[in-house]
Protein backbone atom coordinates (compact mmCIF):
# COMPACT_ATOMS: atom_id res chain seq x y z
CA UNK A 1 0.00 0.00 0.00
CA UNK A 2 1.29 3.47 -0.81
CA UNK A 3 2.00 6.09 1.82
CA UNK A 4 -0.92 7.90 3.38
CA UNK A 5 -1.77 11.20 1.68
CA UNK A 6 -3.86 13.06 4.28
CA UNK A 7 -6.27 15.84 3.38
CA UNK A 8 -7.58 16.55 6.90
CA UNK A 9 -5.78 17.58 10.07
CA UNK A 10 -6.34 16.54 13.71
CA UNK A 11 -9.29 18.88 14.41
CA UNK A 12 -11.01 17.81 11.21
CA UNK A 13 -10.50 14.15 12.14
CA UNK A 14 -11.96 14.83 15.59
CA UNK A 15 -15.09 16.31 13.98
CA UNK A 16 -15.53 13.21 11.84
CA UNK A 17 -14.95 10.92 14.83
CA UNK A 18 -17.68 12.71 16.77
CA UNK A 19 -20.03 12.43 13.79
CA UNK A 20 -19.17 8.72 13.49
CA UNK A 21 -20.00 8.09 17.15
CA UNK A 22 -23.25 10.06 16.95
CA UNK A 23 -24.43 8.24 13.84
CA UNK A 24 -23.41 4.90 15.35
CA UNK A 25 -25.72 5.72 18.25
CA UNK A 26 -28.47 6.68 15.77
CA UNK A 27 -27.98 3.40 13.89
CA UNK A 28 -28.06 1.36 17.09
CA UNK A 29 -31.16 3.22 18.30
CA UNK A 30 -32.90 2.75 14.97
CA UNK A 31 -32.03 -0.94 14.94
CA UNK A 32 -33.33 -1.39 18.48
CA UNK A 33 -36.52 0.54 17.74
CA UNK A 34 -37.21 -1.40 14.55
CA UNK A 35 -36.55 -4.77 16.17
CA UNK A 36 -38.41 -4.08 19.40
CA UNK A 37 -41.41 -2.60 17.60
CA UNK A 38 -41.72 -5.71 15.47
CA UNK A 39 -41.25 -3.78 12.23
CA UNK A 40 -41.19 -5.95 9.10
CA UNK A 41 -37.71 -7.17 8.27
CA UNK A 42 -37.35 -5.06 5.07
CA UNK A 43 -37.81 -1.92 7.18
CA UNK A 44 -34.71 -2.88 9.14
CA UNK A 45 -32.66 -2.05 6.04
CA UNK A 46 -33.16 1.60 7.00
CA UNK A 47 -30.30 1.06 9.44
CA UNK A 48 -28.03 1.17 6.39
CA UNK A 49 -28.15 4.98 6.15
CA UNK A 50 -26.99 5.96 9.64
CA UNK A 51 -24.57 3.01 9.67
CA UNK A 52 -23.08 4.25 6.39
CA UNK A 53 -22.60 7.78 7.76
CA UNK A 54 -21.06 6.36 10.95
CA UNK A 55 -18.69 4.15 8.97
CA UNK A 56 -17.76 7.08 6.72
CA UNK A 57 -16.82 9.08 9.78
CA UNK A 58 -14.67 6.33 11.27
CA UNK A 59 -12.95 5.40 8.01
CA UNK A 60 -12.25 9.05 7.15
CA UNK A 61 -10.51 9.37 10.52
CA UNK A 62 -8.38 6.27 9.98
CA UNK A 63 -7.48 7.24 6.40
CA UNK A 64 -6.97 10.93 7.29
CA UNK A 65 -9.12 11.57 4.23
CA UNK A 66 -12.33 13.55 3.85
CA UNK A 67 -14.24 12.18 0.88
CA UNK A 68 -16.12 15.44 0.24
CA UNK A 69 -12.94 17.53 0.25
CA UNK A 70 -11.14 15.01 -1.99
CA UNK A 71 -14.03 15.14 -4.48
CA UNK A 72 -13.69 18.92 -4.62
CA UNK A 73 -9.88 18.81 -4.89
CA UNK A 74 -9.37 20.35 -1.45
CA UNK A 75 -7.66 19.62 1.83
CA UNK A 76 -8.11 21.11 5.29
CA UNK A 77 -5.19 20.59 7.60
CA UNK A 78 -6.99 22.70 10.26
CA UNK A 79 -6.15 26.07 8.70
CA UNK A 80 -9.10 26.19 6.32
CA UNK A 81 -9.74 24.70 2.90
CA UNK A 82 -6.81 24.72 0.47
CA UNK A 83 -6.81 23.77 -3.19
CA UNK A 84 -4.64 20.74 -3.97
CA UNK A 85 -2.55 21.70 -6.98
CA UNK A 86 -0.28 18.65 -7.19
CA UNK A 87 -1.91 16.15 -9.56
CA UNK A 88 -0.21 13.16 -7.92
CA UNK A 89 -1.34 14.18 -4.44
CA UNK A 90 -4.88 14.74 -5.67
CA UNK A 91 -4.95 11.34 -7.38
CA UNK A 92 -3.77 9.60 -4.17
CA UNK A 93 -6.34 11.49 -2.08
CA UNK A 94 -9.12 10.51 -4.45
CA UNK A 95 -7.97 6.89 -4.44
CA UNK A 96 -8.06 6.92 -0.62
CA UNK A 97 -11.49 8.58 -0.68
CA UNK A 98 -12.82 5.89 -3.03
CA UNK A 99 -11.49 3.19 -0.68
CA UNK A 100 -13.18 4.95 2.27
CA UNK A 101 -16.48 5.04 0.36
CA UNK A 102 -16.28 1.35 -0.54
CA UNK A 103 -15.32 0.23 2.98
CA UNK A 104 -18.07 2.36 4.54
CA UNK A 105 -20.73 1.05 2.15
CA UNK A 106 -19.70 -2.57 2.72
CA UNK A 107 -19.62 -2.08 6.50
CA UNK A 108 -23.07 -0.48 6.50
CA UNK A 109 -24.44 -3.20 4.23
CA UNK A 110 -23.10 -5.89 6.54
CA UNK A 111 -24.66 -4.14 9.55
CA UNK A 112 -28.02 -3.75 7.80
CA UNK A 113 -28.08 -7.38 6.64
CA UNK A 114 -27.19 -8.53 10.16
CA UNK A 115 -30.08 -6.51 11.58
CA UNK A 116 -32.44 -7.95 8.97
CA UNK A 117 -31.51 -11.55 9.66
CA UNK A 118 -31.66 -11.29 13.44
CA UNK A 119 -34.37 -13.70 14.56
CA UNK A 120 -35.99 -11.19 16.91
């Protein structure tokens, strides 16, 4: 794996960590509410959305990569948004962002499927 090419600094990572924790709580609460209320199993798939946002937050922290900033060709190392002018750096950031998106989607899908198949 190539070297990490961060586009967010420590404060930006902290913001995403907080968002990840909050949306994890939302996902867990939604899962509990859907299961305990006896909602039909297909409705449990709604857990995918908050689980995806939570996973995005956590994976952005671990990759030091904001997917939204990478898409716009920016980085924020805690001093405000800066345009990334180096084509190689931008390509690495976007590759990391794509990996974050894929990992988050797969994690959220696994969580949603698990909630659906729970026998409760």
